[in-house]
Amino acid sequence: MDDSINRDARLALDLALTIRHDGEGGVADDLSEAAGLTTWVRARPEALPGAGTYVADDSALRAVRDVRAAVRALFARAVRPGEPSPADAARLLPVADAVAFLNAAAALTPT
């Protein structure tokens, strides 16, 4: 069985993992500020065109964090019946809202 995942799936997983437990009972968020998004994007030049020169602003940070929230909600749904991560379990979007948000965002993206 091939355990590899495609580049797009890897990118979605990497985005979801930008928020996680910090190992001390709190939450670590790689996207707590625009500089964190800049670093995250630049670390993925093979998946994100223009990554090498990308500089995030607050608007881009909000947009990416919104996508991340939707992705995390769907991942939490996918692992049921297990509990969602305590890192954001209390603020997960309803599944229908997450799907609608991601579909709307995808519709804005040229293919």
N, C-alpha and C. Protein backbone atom coordinates (compact mmCIF):
# COMPACT_ATOMS: atom_id res chain seq x y z
N MET A 1 0.84 -1.18 0.00
CA MET A 1 0.00 0.00 0.00
C MET A 1 0.88 1.24 0.00
N ASP A 2 0.53 2.20 -0.80
CA ASP A 2 1.29 3.45 -0.91
C ASP A 2 0.76 4.44 0.12
N ASP A 3 1.62 4.85 1.07
CA ASP A 3 1.20 5.77 2.13
C ASP A 3 1.43 7.23 1.77
N SER A 4 1.95 7.48 0.57
CA SER A 4 2.21 8.87 0.21
C SER A 4 0.91 9.59 -0.09
N ILE A 5 0.93 10.89 0.14
CA ILE A 5 -0.24 11.70 -0.19
C ILE A 5 0.20 12.73 -1.22
N ASN A 6 -0.75 13.22 -1.99
CA ASN A 6 -0.38 14.16 -3.03
C ASN A 6 -0.03 15.53 -2.43
N ARG A 7 0.52 16.37 -3.24
CA ARG A 7 1.01 17.67 -2.80
C ARG A 7 -0.11 18.54 -2.21
N ASP A 8 -1.29 18.52 -2.83
CA ASP A 8 -2.39 19.34 -2.33
C ASP A 8 -2.87 18.85 -0.96
N ALA A 9 -2.96 17.53 -0.80
CA ALA A 9 -3.37 16.98 0.49
C ALA A 9 -2.33 17.29 1.55
N ARG A 10 -1.07 17.22 1.18
CA ARG A 10 0.01 17.54 2.11
C ARG A 10 -0.07 19.00 2.55
N LEU A 11 -0.38 19.88 1.61
CA LEU A 11 -0.49 21.30 1.92
C LEU A 11 -1.64 21.54 2.90
N ALA A 12 -2.78 20.89 2.67
CA ALA A 12 -3.93 21.03 3.58
C ALA A 12 -3.59 20.52 4.97
N LEU A 13 -2.91 19.39 5.03
CA LEU A 13 -2.51 18.85 6.32
C LEU A 13 -1.51 19.77 7.01
N ASP A 14 -0.54 20.26 6.27
CA ASP A 14 0.44 21.19 6.85
C ASP A 14 -0.24 22.43 7.39
N LEU A 15 -1.24 22.94 6.66
CA LEU A 15 -1.97 24.12 7.14
C LEU A 15 -2.70 23.79 8.43
N ALA A 16 -3.37 22.66 8.47
CA ALA A 16 -4.10 22.27 9.69
C ALA A 16 -3.15 22.16 10.88
N LEU A 17 -1.95 21.71 10.63
CA LEU A 17 -0.99 21.50 11.72
C LEU A 17 -0.28 22.76 12.17
N THR A 18 -0.65 23.91 11.63
CA THR A 18 -0.04 25.16 12.10
C THR A 18 -0.60 25.59 13.44
N ILE A 19 -1.60 24.88 13.93
CA ILE A 19 -2.08 25.09 15.30
C ILE A 19 -2.09 23.73 15.97
N ARG A 20 -1.52 23.67 17.17
CA ARG A 20 -1.35 22.39 17.84
C ARG A 20 -1.07 22.62 19.32
N HIS A 21 -1.02 21.54 20.07
CA HIS A 21 -0.65 21.63 21.48
C HIS A 21 0.80 22.07 21.58
N ASP A 22 1.10 22.87 22.58
CA ASP A 22 2.48 23.33 22.75
C ASP A 22 3.30 22.42 23.66
N GLY A 23 2.68 21.35 24.17
CA GLY A 23 3.38 20.42 25.05
C GLY A 23 3.35 20.84 26.51
N GLU A 24 2.75 21.97 26.78
CA GLU A 24 2.68 22.46 28.16
C GLU A 24 1.25 22.82 28.55
N GLY A 25 0.28 22.24 27.87
CA GLY A 25 -1.11 22.50 28.18
C GLY A 25 -1.72 23.67 27.43
N GLY A 26 -0.93 24.31 26.60
CA GLY A 26 -1.43 25.44 25.82
C GLY A 26 -1.47 25.12 24.34
N VAL A 27 -1.57 26.16 23.55
CA VAL A 27 -1.68 26.02 22.10
C VAL A 27 -0.55 26.81 21.44
N ALA A 28 0.08 26.19 20.46
CA ALA A 28 1.08 26.86 19.62
C ALA A 28 0.41 27.16 18.29
N ASP A 29 0.52 28.39 17.84
CA ASP A 29 -0.09 28.80 16.57
C ASP A 29 0.98 29.46 15.71
N ASP A 30 1.39 28.74 14.67
CA ASP A 30 2.41 29.28 13.75
C ASP A 30 1.91 30.48 12.97
N LEU A 31 0.60 30.66 12.93
CA LEU A 31 0.00 31.75 12.17
C LEU A 31 -0.62 32.80 13.10
N SER A 32 0.04 33.07 14.19
CA SER A 32 -0.47 34.07 15.13
C SER A 32 -0.22 35.49 14.64
N GLU A 33 0.66 35.62 13.68
CA GLU A 33 0.95 36.93 13.09
C GLU A 33 1.36 36.76 11.63
N ALA A 34 1.34 37.86 10.89
CA ALA A 34 1.63 37.81 9.44
C ALA A 34 3.02 37.25 9.16
N ALA A 35 3.98 37.54 10.00
CA ALA A 35 5.34 37.02 9.78
C ALA A 35 5.35 35.49 9.79
N GLY A 36 4.52 34.89 10.61
CA GLY A 36 4.43 33.43 10.65
C GLY A 36 3.89 32.87 9.34
N LEU A 37 2.91 33.56 8.76
CA LEU A 37 2.39 33.13 7.46
C LEU A 37 3.46 33.28 6.38
N THR A 38 4.19 34.37 6.41
CA THR A 38 5.28 34.55 5.45
C THR A 38 6.26 33.38 5.53
N THR A 39 6.66 33.02 6.74
CA THR A 39 7.60 31.91 6.94
C THR A 39 7.01 30.60 6.44
N TRP A 40 5.75 30.36 6.76
CA TRP A 40 5.09 29.11 6.36
C TRP A 40 5.02 28.99 4.84
N VAL A 41 4.62 30.05 4.16
CA VAL A 41 4.52 30.03 2.70
C VAL A 41 5.90 29.84 2.07
N ARG A 42 6.88 30.58 2.54
CA ARG A 42 8.22 30.50 1.94
C ARG A 42 8.86 29.13 2.11
N ALA A 43 8.40 28.36 3.09
CA ALA A 43 8.93 27.02 3.31
C ALA A 43 8.34 25.99 2.34
N ARG A 44 7.41 26.43 1.46
CA ARG A 44 6.72 25.52 0.55
C ARG A 44 6.79 25.99 -0.90
N PRO A 45 7.98 26.26 -1.43
CA PRO A 45 8.07 26.78 -2.79
C PRO A 45 7.61 25.79 -3.86
N GLU A 46 7.68 24.49 -3.57
CA GLU A 46 7.26 23.49 -4.55
C GLU A 46 5.74 23.45 -4.70
N ALA A 47 5.03 23.90 -3.69
CA ALA A 47 3.57 23.83 -3.72
C ALA A 47 2.90 25.18 -3.95
N LEU A 48 3.61 26.25 -3.65
CA LEU A 48 3.01 27.58 -3.71
C LEU A 48 3.81 28.49 -4.63
N PRO A 49 3.32 28.76 -5.83
CA PRO A 49 4.04 29.63 -6.75
C PRO A 49 4.30 31.01 -6.12
N GLY A 50 5.49 31.51 -6.32
CA GLY A 50 5.85 32.82 -5.78
C GLY A 50 6.20 32.81 -4.31
N ALA A 51 6.33 31.63 -3.73
CA ALA A 51 6.58 31.52 -2.29
C ALA A 51 7.87 32.21 -1.86
N GLY A 52 8.87 32.18 -2.70
CA GLY A 52 10.17 32.73 -2.32
C GLY A 52 10.18 34.21 -2.04
N THR A 53 9.25 34.95 -2.62
CA THR A 53 9.21 36.40 -2.43
C THR A 53 7.95 36.85 -1.69
N TYR A 54 7.16 35.91 -1.24
CA TYR A 54 5.88 36.22 -0.61
C TYR A 54 6.08 36.95 0.72
N VAL A 55 5.27 37.97 0.95
CA VAL A 55 5.22 38.67 2.24
C VAL A 55 3.75 38.81 2.61
N ALA A 56 3.37 38.21 3.71
CA ALA A 56 1.97 38.24 4.16
C ALA A 56 1.64 39.57 4.81
N ASP A 57 0.37 39.95 4.68
CA ASP A 57 -0.15 41.10 5.41
C ASP A 57 -1.31 40.60 6.28
N ASP A 58 -1.89 41.49 7.06
CA ASP A 58 -2.95 41.09 7.97
C ASP A 58 -4.18 40.54 7.25
N SER A 59 -4.48 41.07 6.07
CA SER A 59 -5.61 40.58 5.30
C SER A 59 -5.39 39.14 4.85
N ALA A 60 -4.21 38.85 4.35
CA ALA A 60 -3.88 37.49 3.93
C ALA A 60 -3.89 36.54 5.13
N LEU A 61 -3.38 37.02 6.25
CA LEU A 61 -3.37 36.19 7.45
C LEU A 61 -4.79 35.82 7.87
N ARG A 62 -5.70 36.77 7.87
CA ARG A 62 -7.10 36.48 8.22
C ARG A 62 -7.70 35.47 7.26
N ALA A 63 -7.44 35.64 5.98
CA ALA A 63 -8.00 34.74 4.97
C ALA A 63 -7.47 33.31 5.15
N VAL A 64 -6.18 33.17 5.38
CA VAL A 64 -5.59 31.85 5.55
C VAL A 64 -6.06 31.21 6.85
N ARG A 65 -6.18 32.00 7.89
CA ARG A 65 -6.68 31.46 9.15
C ARG A 65 -8.14 30.99 9.00
N ASP A 66 -8.92 31.68 8.19
CA ASP A 66 -10.30 31.25 7.93
C ASP A 66 -10.31 29.92 7.19
N VAL A 67 -9.44 29.77 6.20
CA VAL A 67 -9.34 28.50 5.48
C VAL A 67 -8.89 27.40 6.44
N ARG A 68 -7.91 27.72 7.27
CA ARG A 68 -7.42 26.73 8.24
C ARG A 68 -8.55 26.28 9.17
N ALA A 69 -9.37 27.21 9.63
CA ALA A 69 -10.48 26.85 10.52
C ALA A 69 -11.43 25.87 9.83
N ALA A 70 -11.72 26.11 8.57
CA ALA A 70 -12.61 25.22 7.83
C ALA A 70 -11.96 23.85 7.63
N VAL A 71 -10.69 23.83 7.28
CA VAL A 71 -9.96 22.56 7.07
C VAL A 71 -9.92 21.77 8.37
N ARG A 72 -9.64 22.42 9.47
CA ARG A 72 -9.57 21.72 10.76
C ARG A 72 -10.94 21.16 11.15
N ALA A 73 -12.00 21.88 10.85
CA ALA A 73 -13.33 21.37 11.16
C ALA A 73 -13.62 20.09 10.38
N LEU A 74 -13.20 20.07 9.13
CA LEU A 74 -13.45 18.86 8.32
C LEU A 74 -12.54 17.71 8.74
N PHE A 75 -11.30 18.01 9.11
CA PHE A 75 -10.43 16.95 9.62
C PHE A 75 -10.99 16.38 10.93
N ALA A 76 -11.51 17.25 11.79
CA ALA A 76 -12.10 16.78 13.05
C ALA A 76 -13.28 15.86 12.76
N ARG A 77 -14.06 16.19 11.77
CA ARG A 77 -15.19 15.35 11.37
C ARG A 77 -14.69 14.01 10.83
N ALA A 78 -13.60 14.04 10.09
CA ALA A 78 -13.08 12.82 9.46
C ALA A 78 -12.56 11.82 10.49
N VAL A 79 -12.12 12.27 11.64
CA VAL A 79 -11.55 11.35 12.63
C VAL A 79 -12.58 10.87 13.64
N ARG A 80 -13.85 11.26 13.47
CA ARG A 80 -14.87 10.77 14.39
C ARG A 80 -14.90 9.26 14.34
N PRO A 81 -15.15 8.58 15.41
CA PRO A 81 -15.77 9.04 16.63
C PRO A 81 -14.80 9.62 17.65
N GLY A 82 -13.53 9.74 17.29
CA GLY A 82 -12.58 10.35 18.22
C GLY A 82 -12.92 11.81 18.45
N GLU A 83 -12.48 12.32 19.57
CA GLU A 83 -12.72 13.72 19.92
C GLU A 83 -11.82 14.63 19.10
N PRO A 84 -12.30 15.82 18.75
CA PRO A 84 -11.43 16.78 18.07
C PRO A 84 -10.33 17.26 19.01
N SER A 85 -9.30 17.79 18.44
CA SER A 85 -8.17 18.29 19.22
C SER A 85 -8.63 19.38 20.18
N PRO A 86 -8.21 19.31 21.43
CA PRO A 86 -8.55 20.37 22.37
C PRO A 86 -7.94 21.72 21.98
N ALA A 87 -7.02 21.72 21.03
CA ALA A 87 -6.41 22.99 20.59
C ALA A 87 -7.46 23.95 20.07
N ASP A 88 -8.52 23.43 19.46
CA ASP A 88 -9.57 24.32 18.95
C ASP A 88 -10.95 23.69 18.93
N ALA A 89 -11.16 22.64 19.70
CA ALA A 89 -12.44 21.93 19.69
C ALA A 89 -13.62 22.84 19.97
N ALA A 90 -13.44 23.81 20.84
CA ALA A 90 -14.54 24.69 21.22
C ALA A 90 -14.90 25.69 20.13
N ARG A 91 -14.04 25.86 19.15
CA ARG A 91 -14.32 26.86 18.12
C ARG A 91 -14.40 26.28 16.71
N LEU A 92 -14.56 24.97 16.59
CA LEU A 92 -14.68 24.36 15.27
C LEU A 92 -15.97 24.81 14.59
N LEU A 93 -15.86 25.09 13.31
CA LEU A 93 -17.04 25.44 12.51
C LEU A 93 -17.95 24.22 12.36
N PRO A 94 -19.24 24.44 12.26
CA PRO A 94 -20.11 23.32 11.87
C PRO A 94 -19.68 22.81 10.49
N VAL A 95 -19.80 21.52 10.28
CA VAL A 95 -19.33 20.91 9.05
C VAL A 95 -19.93 21.56 7.81
N ALA A 96 -21.21 21.82 7.82
CA ALA A 96 -21.86 22.43 6.65
C ALA A 96 -21.26 23.81 6.35
N ASP A 97 -20.98 24.57 7.39
CA ASP A 97 -20.37 25.89 7.19
C ASP A 97 -18.95 25.76 6.64
N ALA A 98 -18.20 24.78 7.15
CA ALA A 98 -16.83 24.57 6.68
C ALA A 98 -16.81 24.19 5.20
N VAL A 99 -17.70 23.29 4.81
CA VAL A 99 -17.78 22.87 3.41
C VAL A 99 -18.17 24.06 2.53
N ALA A 100 -19.17 24.81 2.96
CA ALA A 100 -19.62 25.96 2.16
C ALA A 100 -18.50 26.99 2.03
N PHE A 101 -17.78 27.24 3.11
CA PHE A 101 -16.69 28.21 3.06
C PHE A 101 -15.60 27.75 2.09
N LEU A 102 -15.18 26.49 2.19
CA LEU A 102 -14.12 26.00 1.31
C LEU A 102 -14.57 25.96 -0.15
N ASN A 103 -15.81 25.61 -0.38
CA ASN A 103 -16.31 25.62 -1.76
C ASN A 103 -16.31 27.03 -2.33
N ALA A 104 -16.72 28.00 -1.53
CA ALA A 104 -16.71 29.40 -1.99
C ALA A 104 -15.28 29.87 -2.24
N ALA A 105 -14.37 29.51 -1.37
CA ALA A 105 -12.97 29.90 -1.57
C ALA A 105 -12.39 29.23 -2.82
N ALA A 106 -12.71 27.97 -3.02
CA ALA A 106 -12.21 27.25 -4.20
C ALA A 106 -12.76 27.86 -5.49
N ALA A 107 -13.98 28.33 -5.45
CA ALA A 107 -14.60 28.91 -6.64
C ALA A 107 -13.89 30.20 -7.07
N LEU A 108 -13.19 30.84 -6.16
CA LEU A 108 -12.45 32.07 -6.46
C LEU A 108 -11.06 31.82 -7.03
N THR A 109 -10.64 30.57 -6.97
CA THR A 109 -9.28 30.20 -7.37
C THR A 109 -9.26 29.74 -8.82
N PRO A 110 -8.43 30.39 -9.65
CA PRO A 110 -8.34 29.93 -11.04
C PRO A 110 -7.77 28.52 -11.11
N THR A 111 -8.27 27.75 -12.06
CA THR A 111 -7.77 26.38 -12.22
C THR A 111 -7.06 26.22 -13.54
